[in-house]
C-alpha cells in the first residue's frame, strides 16, 4: 500500500514500506489494526538492524529480548528505544483487545 511517510523505504525495505503504509491508512479508521501493523514494523526493523549490523542475539529471541539486548541498546539512541518499546506495548495491547487510540498509532 502506498503511503505519504513510508515510500522512501520501498526500494530497499519493501516489507517495512508496506507495513507502514497499512498502518498509515488504518490510523484513524481502525487504530487497533494500525498499532498491530506498527508493532510488526518495529519488530521487523529491529531484526533487520540485528542482521545488517551482525549483532549477536539469542536463538528464538522475543521482540522484548531483542530490544533489551546489550549490543542493540549500545547502538540505539534512548529516544528510539523508547519509541520501539511503546510500539511493542501498544501493539500487544491492541492485538489482545484493549482499547486502541488513533493518537497512539500516530505517535502523539
PDB file of N, CA and C in Angstrom:
ATOM      1  N   UNK A   1       0.847  -1.173   0.000  1.00  0.00           N
ATOM      2  CA  UNK A   1       0.000   0.000   0.000  1.00  0.00           C
ATOM      3  C   UNK A   1       0.894   1.238   0.000  1.00  0.00           C
ATOM      4  N   UNK A   2       0.647   2.137  -0.907  1.00  0.00           N
ATOM      5  CA  UNK A   2       1.400   3.393  -0.993  1.00  0.00           C
ATOM      6  C   UNK A   2       1.085   4.270   0.216  1.00  0.00           C
ATOM      7  N   UNK A   3       2.083   5.071   0.598  1.00  0.00           N
ATOM      8  CA  UNK A   3       1.887   5.941   1.750  1.00  0.00           C
ATOM      9  C   UNK A   3       2.616   7.258   1.558  1.00  0.00           C
ATOM     10  N   UNK A   4       2.275   8.210   2.387  1.00  0.00           N
ATOM     11  CA  UNK A   4       2.946   9.509   2.359  1.00  0.00           C
ATOM     12  C   UNK A   4       4.261   9.468   3.120  1.00  0.00           C
ATOM     13  N   UNK A   5       4.368   8.608   4.114  1.00  0.00           N
ATOM     14  CA  UNK A   5       5.507   8.648   5.020  1.00  0.00           C
ATOM     15  C   UNK A   5       6.482   7.486   4.928  1.00  0.00           C
ATOM     16  N   UNK A   6       6.149   6.439   4.190  1.00  0.00           N
ATOM     17  CA  UNK A   6       6.991   5.247   4.190  1.00  0.00           C
ATOM     18  C   UNK A   6       7.517   4.848   2.807  1.00  0.00           C
ATOM     19  N   UNK A   7       7.154   5.570   1.780  1.00  0.00           N
ATOM     20  CA  UNK A   7       7.550   5.193   0.420  1.00  0.00           C
ATOM     21  C   UNK A   7       9.058   5.194   0.209  1.00  0.00           C
ATOM     22  N   UNK A   8       9.788   6.042   0.918  1.00  0.00           N
ATOM     23  CA  UNK A   8      11.233   6.110   0.731  1.00  0.00           C
ATOM     24  C   UNK A   8      11.914   4.799   1.138  1.00  0.00           C
ATOM     25  N   UNK A   9      11.205   3.944   1.856  1.00  0.00           N
ATOM     26  CA  UNK A   9      11.751   2.649   2.269  1.00  0.00           C
ATOM     27  C   UNK A   9      11.540   1.551   1.233  1.00  0.00           C
ATOM     28  N   UNK A  10      10.617   1.771   0.306  1.00  0.00           N
ATOM     29  CA  UNK A  10      10.140   0.696  -0.568  1.00  0.00           C
ATOM     30  C   UNK A  10      11.246   0.020  -1.381  1.00  0.00           C
ATOM     31  N   UNK A  11      12.193   0.765  -1.907  1.00  0.00           N
ATOM     32  CA  UNK A  11      13.220   0.163  -2.763  1.00  0.00           C
ATOM     33  C   UNK A  11      14.092  -0.841  -1.997  1.00  0.00           C
ATOM     34  N   UNK A  12      14.477  -0.489  -0.793  1.00  0.00           N
ATOM     35  CA  UNK A  12      15.386  -1.354  -0.034  1.00  0.00           C
ATOM     36  C   UNK A  12      14.670  -2.245   0.979  1.00  0.00           C
ATOM     37  N   UNK A  13      13.584  -1.749   1.560  1.00  0.00           N
ATOM     38  CA  UNK A  13      12.841  -2.485   2.590  1.00  0.00           C
ATOM     39  C   UNK A  13      11.347  -2.480   2.251  1.00  0.00           C
ATOM     40  N   UNK A  14      10.936  -3.222   1.216  1.00  0.00           N
ATOM     41  CA  UNK A  14       9.532  -3.185   0.780  1.00  0.00           C
ATOM     42  C   UNK A  14       8.546  -3.651   1.858  1.00  0.00           C
ATOM     43  N   UNK A  15       8.955  -4.619   2.678  1.00  0.00           N
ATOM     44  CA  UNK A  15       8.035  -5.098   3.725  1.00  0.00           C
ATOM     45  C   UNK A  15       7.776  -3.995   4.750  1.00  0.00           C
ATOM     46  N   UNK A  16       8.807  -3.238   5.114  1.00  0.00           N
ATOM     47  CA  UNK A  16       8.620  -2.138   6.053  1.00  0.00           C
ATOM     48  C   UNK A  16       7.734  -1.056   5.445  1.00  0.00           C
ATOM     49  N   UNK A  17       7.955  -0.759   4.169  1.00  0.00           N
ATOM     50  CA  UNK A  17       7.122   0.241   3.493  1.00  0.00           C
ATOM     51  C   UNK A  17       5.665  -0.195   3.459  1.00  0.00           C
ATOM     52  N   UNK A  18       5.442  -1.471   3.208  1.00  0.00           N
ATOM     53  CA  UNK A  18       4.075  -1.996   3.135  1.00  0.00           C
ATOM     54  C   UNK A  18       3.393  -1.934   4.507  1.00  0.00           C
ATOM     55  N   UNK A  19       4.089  -2.379   5.543  1.00  0.00           N
ATOM     56  CA  UNK A  19       3.513  -2.327   6.897  1.00  0.00           C
ATOM     57  C   UNK A  19       3.231  -0.887   7.317  1.00  0.00           C
ATOM     58  N   UNK A  20       4.167  -0.006   7.038  1.00  0.00           N
ATOM     59  CA  UNK A  20       3.973   1.400   7.371  1.00  0.00           C
ATOM     60  C   UNK A  20       2.802   2.000   6.614  1.00  0.00           C
ATOM     61  N   UNK A  21       2.663   1.640   5.348  1.00  0.00           N
ATOM     62  CA  UNK A  21       1.560   2.141   4.542  1.00  0.00           C
ATOM     63  C   UNK A  21       0.206   1.702   5.085  1.00  0.00           C
ATOM     64  N   UNK A  22       0.106   0.431   5.469  1.00  0.00           N
ATOM     65  CA  UNK A  22      -1.148  -0.048   6.054  1.00  0.00           C
ATOM     66  C   UNK A  22      -1.435   0.657   7.375  1.00  0.00           C
ATOM     67  N   UNK A  23      -0.415   0.803   8.212  1.00  0.00           N
ATOM     68  CA  UNK A  23      -0.613   1.486   9.495  1.00  0.00           C
ATOM     69  C   UNK A  23      -1.083   2.912   9.267  1.00  0.00           C
ATOM     70  N   UNK A  24      -0.492   3.580   8.304  1.00  0.00           N
ATOM     71  CA  UNK A  24      -0.878   4.954   7.985  1.00  0.00           C
ATOM     72  C   UNK A  24      -2.344   5.013   7.536  1.00  0.00           C
ATOM     73  N   UNK A  25      -2.728   4.068   6.692  1.00  0.00           N
ATOM     74  CA  UNK A  25      -4.100   4.055   6.167  1.00  0.00           C
ATOM     75  C   UNK A  25      -5.127   3.736   7.255  1.00  0.00           C
ATOM     76  N   UNK A  26      -4.753   2.911   8.234  1.00  0.00           N
ATOM     77  CA  UNK A  26      -5.682   2.474   9.271  1.00  0.00           C
ATOM     78  C   UNK A  26      -5.712   3.380  10.499  1.00  0.00           C
ATOM     79  N   UNK A  27      -4.790   4.307  10.620  1.00  0.00           N
ATOM     80  CA  UNK A  27      -4.591   5.048  11.876  1.00  0.00           C
ATOM     81  C   UNK A  27      -5.877   5.629  12.450  1.00  0.00           C
ATOM     82  N   UNK A  28      -6.712   6.223  11.617  1.00  0.00           N
ATOM     83  CA  UNK A  28      -7.936   6.849  12.126  1.00  0.00           C
ATOM     84  C   UNK A  28      -9.130   5.893  12.116  1.00  0.00           C
ATOM     85  N   UNK A  29      -9.280   5.140  11.039  1.00  0.00           N
ATOM     86  CA  UNK A  29     -10.453   4.272  10.898  1.00  0.00           C
ATOM     87  C   UNK A  29     -10.378   3.028  11.773  1.00  0.00           C
ATOM     88  N   UNK A  30      -9.182   2.503  11.979  1.00  0.00           N
ATOM     89  CA  UNK A  30      -9.010   1.263  12.731  1.00  0.00           C
ATOM     90  C   UNK A  30      -7.667   1.307  13.474  1.00  0.00           C
ATOM     91  N   UNK A  31      -7.580   2.115  14.540  1.00  0.00           N
ATOM     92  CA  UNK A  31      -6.296   2.285  15.227  1.00  0.00           C
ATOM     93  C   UNK A  31      -5.725   0.987  15.794  1.00  0.00           C
ATOM     94  N   UNK A  32      -6.561   0.027  16.156  1.00  0.00           N
ATOM     95  CA  UNK A  32      -6.038  -1.243  16.670  1.00  0.00           C
ATOM     96  C   UNK A  32      -5.229  -1.954  15.582  1.00  0.00           C
ATOM     97  N   UNK A  33      -5.770  -2.005  14.373  1.00  0.00           N
ATOM     98  CA  UNK A  33      -5.037  -2.629  13.264  1.00  0.00           C
ATOM     99  C   UNK A  33      -3.765  -1.856  12.951  1.00  0.00           C
ATOM    100  N   UNK A  34      -3.841  -0.537  13.003  1.00  0.00           N
ATOM    101  CA  UNK A  34      -2.658   0.287  12.760  1.00  0.00           C
ATOM    102  C   UNK A  34      -1.569  -0.022  13.778  1.00  0.00           C
ATOM    103  N   UNK A  35      -1.940  -0.154  15.047  1.00  0.00           N
ATOM    104  CA  UNK A  35      -0.955  -0.431  16.092  1.00  0.00           C
ATOM    105  C   UNK A  35      -0.351  -1.824  15.954  1.00  0.00           C
ATOM    106  N   UNK A  36      -1.147  -2.787  15.537  1.00  0.00           N
ATOM    107  CA  UNK A  36      -0.610  -4.128  15.303  1.00  0.00           C
ATOM    108  C   UNK A  36       0.381  -4.090  14.145  1.00  0.00           C
ATOM    109  N   UNK A  37       0.043  -3.381  13.075  1.00  0.00           N
ATOM    110  CA  UNK A  37       0.970  -3.243  11.940  1.00  0.00           C
ATOM    111  C   UNK A  37       2.247  -2.523  12.362  1.00  0.00           C
ATOM    112  N   UNK A  38       2.116  -1.479  13.176  1.00  0.00           N
ATOM    113  CA  UNK A  38       3.297  -0.741  13.630  1.00  0.00           C
ATOM    114  C   UNK A  38       4.164  -1.586  14.555  1.00  0.00           C
ATOM    115  N   UNK A  39       3.553  -2.422  15.356  1.00  0.00           N
ATOM    116  CA  UNK A  39       4.334  -3.311  16.208  1.00  0.00           C
ATOM    117  C   UNK A  39       5.139  -4.280  15.355  1.00  0.00           C
ATOM    118  N   UNK A  40       4.509  -4.836  14.329  1.00  0.00           N
ATOM    119  CA  UNK A  40       5.202  -5.736  13.418  1.00  0.00           C
ATOM    120  C   UNK A  40       6.300  -4.982  12.660  1.00  0.00           C
ATOM    121  N   UNK A  41       6.012  -3.762  12.252  1.00  0.00           N
ATOM    122  CA  UNK A  41       7.012  -2.904  11.604  1.00  0.00           C
ATOM    123  C   UNK A  41       8.230  -2.744  12.523  1.00  0.00           C
ATOM    124  N   UNK A  42       7.989  -2.402  13.781  1.00  0.00           N
ATOM    125  CA  UNK A  42       9.076  -2.174  14.732  1.00  0.00           C
ATOM    126  C   UNK A  42       9.890  -3.448  14.959  1.00  0.00           C
ATOM    127  N   UNK A  43       9.211  -4.592  15.055  1.00  0.00           N
ATOM    128  CA  UNK A  43       9.935  -5.845  15.258  1.00  0.00           C
ATOM    129  C   UNK A  43      10.770  -6.197  14.033  1.00  0.00           C
ATOM    130  N   UNK A  44      10.202  -6.049  12.843  1.00  0.00           N
ATOM    131  CA  UNK A  44      10.953  -6.346  11.626  1.00  0.00           C
ATOM    132  C   UNK A  44      12.140  -5.400  11.464  1.00  0.00           C
ATOM    133  N   UNK A  45      11.937  -4.133  11.771  1.00  0.00           N
ATOM    134  CA  UNK A  45      13.026  -3.156  11.717  1.00  0.00           C
ATOM    135  C   UNK A  45      14.151  -3.560  12.670  1.00  0.00           C
ATOM    136  N   UNK A  46      13.788  -3.943  13.884  1.00  0.00           N
ATOM    137  CA  UNK A  46      14.775  -4.359  14.880  1.00  0.00           C
ATOM    138  C   UNK A  46      15.544  -5.581  14.393  1.00  0.00           C
ATOM    139  N   UNK A  47      14.841  -6.561  13.845  1.00  0.00           N
ATOM    140  CA  UNK A  47      15.514  -7.756  13.318  1.00  0.00           C
ATOM    141  C   UNK A  47      16.436  -7.395  12.149  1.00  0.00           C
ATOM    142  N   UNK A  48      16.011  -6.457  11.310  1.00  0.00           N
ATOM    143  CA  UNK A  48      16.864  -6.007  10.203  1.00  0.00           C
ATOM    144  C   UNK A  48      18.148  -5.353  10.722  1.00  0.00           C
ATOM    145  N   UNK A  49      18.024  -4.577  11.774  1.00  0.00           N
ATOM    146  CA  UNK A  49      19.204  -3.926  12.354  1.00  0.00           C
ATOM    147  C   UNK A  49      20.149  -4.981  12.916  1.00  0.00           C
ATOM    148  N   UNK A  50      19.613  -5.957  13.613  1.00  0.00           N
ATOM    149  CA  UNK A  50      20.453  -7.052  14.111  1.00  0.00           C
ATOM    150  C   UNK A  50      21.187  -7.726  12.949  1.00  0.00           C
ATOM    151  N   UNK A  51      20.473  -8.025  11.890  1.00  0.00           N
ATOM    152  CA  UNK A  51      21.071  -8.699  10.743  1.00  0.00           C
ATOM    153  C   UNK A  51      22.113  -7.820  10.054  1.00  0.00           C
ATOM    154  N   UNK A  52      21.735  -6.589   9.739  1.00  0.00           N
ATOM    155  CA  UNK A  52      22.618  -5.715   8.980  1.00  0.00           C
ATOM    156  C   UNK A  52      23.879  -5.329   9.736  1.00  0.00           C
ATOM    157  N   UNK A  53      23.785  -5.251  11.049  1.00  0.00           N
ATOM    158  CA  UNK A  53      24.940  -4.895  11.878  1.00  0.00           C
ATOM    159  C   UNK A  53      25.594  -6.123  12.505  1.00  0.00           C
ATOM    160  N   UNK A  54      25.088  -7.294  12.137  1.00  0.00           N
ATOM    161  CA  UNK A  54      25.619  -8.565  12.633  1.00  0.00           C
ATOM    162  C   UNK A  54      25.749  -8.567  14.155  1.00  0.00           C
ATOM    163  N   UNK A  55      24.678  -8.133  14.810  1.00  0.00           N
ATOM    164  CA  UNK A  55      24.657  -8.099  16.269  1.00  0.00           C
ATOM    165  C   UNK A  55      24.366  -9.497  16.804  1.00  0.00           C
ATOM    166  N   UNK A  56      25.001  -9.875  17.904  1.00  0.00           N
ATOM    167  CA  UNK A  56      24.710 -11.192  18.482  1.00  0.00           C
ATOM    168  C   UNK A  56      23.318 -11.204  19.117  1.00  0.00           C
ATOM    169  N   UNK A  57      22.609 -12.307  18.922  1.00  0.00           N
ATOM    170  CA  UNK A  57      21.281 -12.437  19.527  1.00  0.00           C
ATOM    171  C   UNK A  57      21.041 -13.889  19.903  1.00  0.00           C
ATOM    172  N   UNK A  58      20.253 -14.084  20.949  1.00  0.00           N
ATOM    173  CA  UNK A  58      19.936 -15.466  21.334  1.00  0.00           C
ATOM    174  C   UNK A  58      18.986 -16.098  20.329  1.00  0.00           C
ATOM    175  N   UNK A  59      19.047 -17.409  20.228  1.00  0.00           N
ATOM    176  CA  UNK A  59      18.099 -18.127  19.374  1.00  0.00           C
ATOM    177  C   UNK A  59      16.691 -17.934  19.918  1.00  0.00           C
ATOM    178  N   UNK A  60      15.738 -17.827  19.028  1.00  0.00           N
ATOM    179  CA  UNK A  60      14.325 -17.688  19.386  1.00  0.00           C
ATOM    180  C   UNK A  60      14.051 -16.505  20.309  1.00  0.00           C
ATOM    181  N   UNK A  61      14.781 -15.425  20.119  1.00  0.00           N
ATOM    182  CA  UNK A  61      14.607 -14.233  20.946  1.00  0.00           C
ATOM    183  C   UNK A  61      13.255 -13.589  20.660  1.00  0.00           C
ATOM    184  N   UNK A  62      12.586 -13.153  21.720  1.00  0.00           N
ATOM    185  CA  UNK A  62      11.348 -12.406  21.565  1.00  0.00           C
ATOM    186  C   UNK A  62      11.694 -10.960  21.200  1.00  0.00           C
ATOM    187  N   UNK A  63      10.688 -10.207  20.822  1.00  0.00           N
ATOM    188  CA  UNK A  63      10.898  -8.805  20.468  1.00  0.00           C
ATOM    189  C   UNK A  63      11.495  -8.041  21.653  1.00  0.00           C
ATOM    190  N   UNK A  64      10.956  -8.254  22.841  1.00  0.00           N
ATOM    191  CA  UNK A  64      11.478  -7.541  24.012  1.00  0.00           C
ATOM    192  C   UNK A  64      12.918  -7.962  24.296  1.00  0.00           C
ATOM    193  N   UNK A  65      13.245  -9.236  24.072  1.00  0.00           N
ATOM    194  CA  UNK A  65      14.633  -9.685  24.237  1.00  0.00           C
ATOM    195  C   UNK A  65      15.557  -8.922  23.286  1.00  0.00           C
ATOM    196  N   UNK A  66      15.112  -8.759  22.056  1.00  0.00           N
ATOM    197  CA  UNK A  66      15.923  -8.041  21.068  1.00  0.00           C
ATOM    198  C   UNK A  66      16.099  -6.574  21.451  1.00  0.00           C
ATOM    199  N   UNK A  67      15.010  -5.935  21.888  1.00  0.00           N
ATOM    200  CA  UNK A  67      15.092  -4.528  22.276  1.00  0.00           C
ATOM    201  C   UNK A  67      15.997  -4.315  23.478  1.00  0.00           C
ATOM    202  N   UNK A  68      16.057  -5.297  24.364  1.00  0.00           N
ATOM    203  CA  UNK A  68      16.868  -5.168  25.574  1.00  0.00           C
ATOM    204  C   UNK A  68      18.270  -5.742  25.424  1.00  0.00           C
ATOM    205  N   UNK A  69      18.576  -6.294  24.251  1.00  0.00           N
ATOM    206  CA  UNK A  69      19.901  -6.865  24.034  1.00  0.00           C
ATOM    207  C   UNK A  69      20.991  -5.813  24.168  1.00  0.00           C
ATOM    208  N   UNK A  70      22.066  -6.187  24.813  1.00  0.00           N
ATOM    209  CA  UNK A  70      23.156  -5.255  25.097  1.00  0.00           C
ATOM    210  C   UNK A  70      23.738  -4.650  23.821  1.00  0.00           C
ATOM    211  N   UNK A  71      23.950  -5.457  22.805  1.00  0.00           N
ATOM    212  CA  UNK A  71      24.520  -4.950  21.560  1.00  0.00           C
ATOM    213  C   UNK A  71      23.586  -3.945  20.895  1.00  0.00           C
ATOM    214  N   UNK A  72      22.275  -4.217  20.954  1.00  0.00           N
ATOM    215  CA  UNK A  72      21.296  -3.327  20.342  1.00  0.00           C
ATOM    216  C   UNK A  72      21.190  -2.012  21.103  1.00  0.00           C
ATOM    217  N   UNK A  73      21.103  -2.095  22.425  1.00  0.00           N
ATOM    218  CA  UNK A  73      20.973  -0.869  23.224  1.00  0.00           C
ATOM    219  C   UNK A  73      22.228  -0.006  23.132  1.00  0.00           C
ATOM    220  N   UNK A  74      23.368  -0.634  22.869  1.00  0.00           N
ATOM    221  CA  UNK A  74      24.618   0.119  22.757  1.00  0.00           C
ATOM    222  C   UNK A  74      24.651   1.008  21.514  1.00  0.00           C
ATOM    223  N   UNK A  75      23.926   0.626  20.465  1.00  0.00           N
ATOM    224  CA  UNK A  75      23.973   1.406  19.221  1.00  0.00           C
ATOM    225  C   UNK A  75      22.694   2.193  18.942  1.00  0.00           C
ATOM    226  N   UNK A  76      21.707   2.067  19.805  1.00  0.00           N
ATOM    227  CA  UNK A  76      20.405   2.694  19.558  1.00  0.00           C
ATOM    228  C   UNK A  76      20.155   3.819  20.565  1.00  0.00           C
ATOM    229  N   UNK A  77      19.869   5.028  20.077  1.00  0.00           N
ATOM    230  CA  UNK A  77      19.571   6.134  20.994  1.00  0.00           C
ATOM    231  C   UNK A  77      18.370   5.816  21.882  1.00  0.00           C
ATOM    232  N   UNK A  78      18.389   6.300  23.105  1.00  0.00           N
ATOM    233  CA  UNK A  78      17.315   6.044  24.068  1.00  0.00           C
ATOM    234  C   UNK A  78      15.955   6.469  23.527  1.00  0.00           C
ATOM    235  N   UNK A  79      15.905   7.574  22.837  1.00  0.00           N
ATOM    236  CA  UNK A  79      14.640   8.047  22.268  1.00  0.00           C
ATOM    237  C   UNK A  79      14.055   7.018  21.303  1.00  0.00           C
ATOM    238  N   UNK A  80      14.903   6.415  20.494  1.00  0.00           N
ATOM    239  CA  UNK A  80      14.448   5.395  19.546  1.00  0.00           C
ATOM    240  C   UNK A  80      14.017   4.144  20.297  1.00  0.00           C
ATOM    241  N   UNK A  81      14.803   3.730  21.284  1.00  0.00           N
ATOM    242  CA  UNK A  81      14.415   2.569  22.098  1.00  0.00           C
ATOM    243  C   UNK A  81      13.057   2.788  22.751  1.00  0.00           C
ATOM    244  N   UNK A  82      12.852   3.976  23.292  1.00  0.00           N
ATOM    245  CA  UNK A  82      11.571   4.282  23.933  1.00  0.00           C
ATOM    246  C   UNK A  82      10.412   4.164  22.942  1.00  0.00           C
ATOM    247  N   UNK A  83      10.597   4.659  21.722  1.00  0.00           N
ATOM    248  CA  UNK A  83       9.541   4.565  20.698  1.00  0.00           C
ATOM    249  C   UNK A  83       9.284   3.107  20.310  1.00  0.00           C
ATOM    250  N   UNK A  84      10.360   2.332  20.150  1.00  0.00           N
ATOM    251  CA  UNK A  84      10.184   0.924  19.794  1.00  0.00           C
ATOM    252  C   UNK A  84       9.449   0.165  20.905  1.00  0.00           C
ATOM    253  N   UNK A  85       9.800   0.442  22.151  1.00  0.00           N
ATOM    254  CA  UNK A  85       9.089  -0.197  23.268  1.00  0.00           C
ATOM    255  C   UNK A  85       7.621   0.240  23.297  1.00  0.00           C
ATOM    256  N   UNK A  86       7.363   1.516  23.025  1.00  0.00           N
ATOM    257  CA  UNK A  86       5.972   1.995  23.005  1.00  0.00           C
ATOM    258  C   UNK A  86       5.175   1.276  21.920  1.00  0.00           C
ATOM    259  N   UNK A  87       5.754   1.115  20.734  1.00  0.00           N
ATOM    260  CA  UNK A  87       5.063   0.391  19.662  1.00  0.00           C
ATOM    261  C   UNK A  87       4.821  -1.060  20.054  1.00  0.00           C
ATOM    262  N   UNK A  88       5.780  -1.663  20.733  1.00  0.00           N
ATOM    263  CA  UNK A  88       5.627  -3.039  21.204  1.00  0.00           C
ATOM    264  C   UNK A  88       4.452  -3.145  22.176  1.00  0.00           C
ATOM    265  N   UNK A  89       4.424  -2.257  23.157  1.00  0.00           N
ATOM    266  CA  UNK A  89       3.380  -2.309  24.182  1.00  0.00           C
ATOM    267  C   UNK A  89       2.009  -1.998  23.599  1.00  0.00           C
ATOM    268  N   UNK A  90       1.890  -0.891  22.846  1.00  0.00           N
ATOM    269  CA  UNK A  90       0.593  -0.528  22.267  1.00  0.00           C
ATOM    270  C   UNK A  90       0.112  -1.582  21.273  1.00  0.00           C
ATOM    271  N   UNK A  91       1.039  -2.131  20.486  1.00  0.00           N
ATOM    272  CA  UNK A  91       0.663  -3.166  19.527  1.00  0.00           C
ATOM    273  C   UNK A  91       0.195  -4.432  20.201  1.00  0.00           C
ATOM    274  N   UNK A  92       0.881  -4.827  21.274  1.00  0.00           N
ATOM    275  CA  UNK A  92       0.456  -6.019  22.020  1.00  0.00           C
ATOM    276  C   UNK A  92      -0.919  -5.810  22.638  1.00  0.00           C
ATOM    277  N   UNK A  93      -1.126  -4.650  23.236  1.00  0.00           N
ATOM    278  CA  UNK A  93      -2.427  -4.374  23.852  1.00  0.00           C
ATOM    279  C   UNK A  93      -3.536  -4.395  22.803  1.00  0.00           C
ATOM    280  N   UNK A  94      -3.286  -3.775  21.656  1.00  0.00           N
ATOM    281  CA  UNK A  94      -4.293  -3.754  20.588  1.00  0.00           C
ATOM    282  C   UNK A  94      -4.592  -5.162  20.084  1.00  0.00           C
ATOM    283  N   UNK A  95      -3.564  -5.981  19.961  1.00  0.00           N
ATOM    284  CA  UNK A  95      -3.741  -7.356  19.477  1.00  0.00           C
ATOM    285  C   UNK A  95      -4.559  -8.202  20.445  1.00  0.00           C
ATOM    286  N   UNK A  96      -4.565  -7.802  21.708  1.00  0.00           N
ATOM    287  CA  UNK A  96      -5.279  -8.578  22.721  1.00  0.00           C
ATOM    288  C   UNK A  96      -6.572  -7.902  23.168  1.00  0.00           C
ATOM    289  N   UNK A  97      -7.078  -6.985  22.332  1.00  0.00           N
ATOM    290  CA  UNK A  97      -8.404  -6.445  22.537  1.00  0.00           C
ATOM    291  C   UNK A  97      -8.527  -5.228  23.431  1.00  0.00           C
ATOM    292  N   UNK A  98      -7.415  -4.684  23.888  1.00  0.00           N
ATOM    293  CA  UNK A  98      -7.522  -3.467  24.701  1.00  0.00           C
ATOM    294  C   UNK A  98      -7.812  -2.276  23.792  1.00  0.00           C
ATOM    295  N   UNK A  99      -8.354  -1.235  24.377  1.00  0.00           N
ATOM    296  CA  UNK A  99      -8.706  -0.038  23.618  1.00  0.00           C
ATOM    297  C   UNK A  99      -7.480   0.527  22.904  1.00  0.00           C
ATOM    298  N   UNK A 100      -7.676   0.891  21.661  1.00  0.00           N
ATOM    299  CA  UNK A 100      -6.608   1.488  20.860  1.00  0.00           C
ATOM    300  C   UNK A 100      -7.049   2.878  20.442  1.00  0.00           C
ATOM    301  N   UNK A 101      -6.148   3.815  20.519  1.00  0.00           N
ATOM    302  CA  UNK A 101      -6.452   5.203  20.165  1.00  0.00           C
ATOM    303  C   UNK A 101      -5.622   5.628  18.956  1.00  0.00           C
ATOM    304  N   UNK A 102      -6.253   6.409  18.099  1.00  0.00           N
ATOM    305  CA  UNK A 102      -5.554   6.912  16.908  1.00  0.00           C
ATOM    306  C   UNK A 102      -4.323   7.703  17.306  1.00  0.00           C
ATOM    307  N   UNK A 103      -4.379   8.448  18.394  1.00  0.00           N
ATOM    308  CA  UNK A 103      -3.224   9.261  18.794  1.00  0.00           C
ATOM    309  C   UNK A 103      -2.010   8.376  19.113  1.00  0.00           C
ATOM    310  N   UNK A 104      -2.230   7.160  19.612  1.00  0.00           N
ATOM    311  CA  UNK A 104      -1.106   6.252  19.847  1.00  0.00           C
ATOM    312  C   UNK A 104      -0.546   5.731  18.532  1.00  0.00           C
ATOM    313  N   UNK A 105      -1.409   5.456  17.582  1.00  0.00           N
ATOM    314  CA  UNK A 105      -0.949   4.980  16.271  1.00  0.00           C
ATOM    315  C   UNK A 105      -0.211   6.083  15.520  1.00  0.00           C
ATOM    316  N   UNK A 106      -0.586   7.325  15.785  1.00  0.00           N
ATOM    317  CA  UNK A 106       0.056   8.450  15.107  1.00  0.00           C
ATOM    318  C   UNK A 106       1.307   8.939  15.843  1.00  0.00           C
ATOM    319  N   UNK A 107       1.574   8.361  16.993  1.00  0.00           N
ATOM    320  CA  UNK A 107       2.767   8.742  17.735  1.00  0.00           C
ATOM    321  C   UNK A 107       2.623   9.983  18.552  1.00  0.00           C
ATOM    322  N   UNK A 108       1.392  10.418  18.803  1.00  0.00           N
ATOM    323  CA  UNK A 108       1.146  11.648  19.578  1.00  0.00           C
ATOM    324  C   UNK A 108       1.225  11.383  21.056  1.00  0.00           C
TER     325      UNK A 108
END
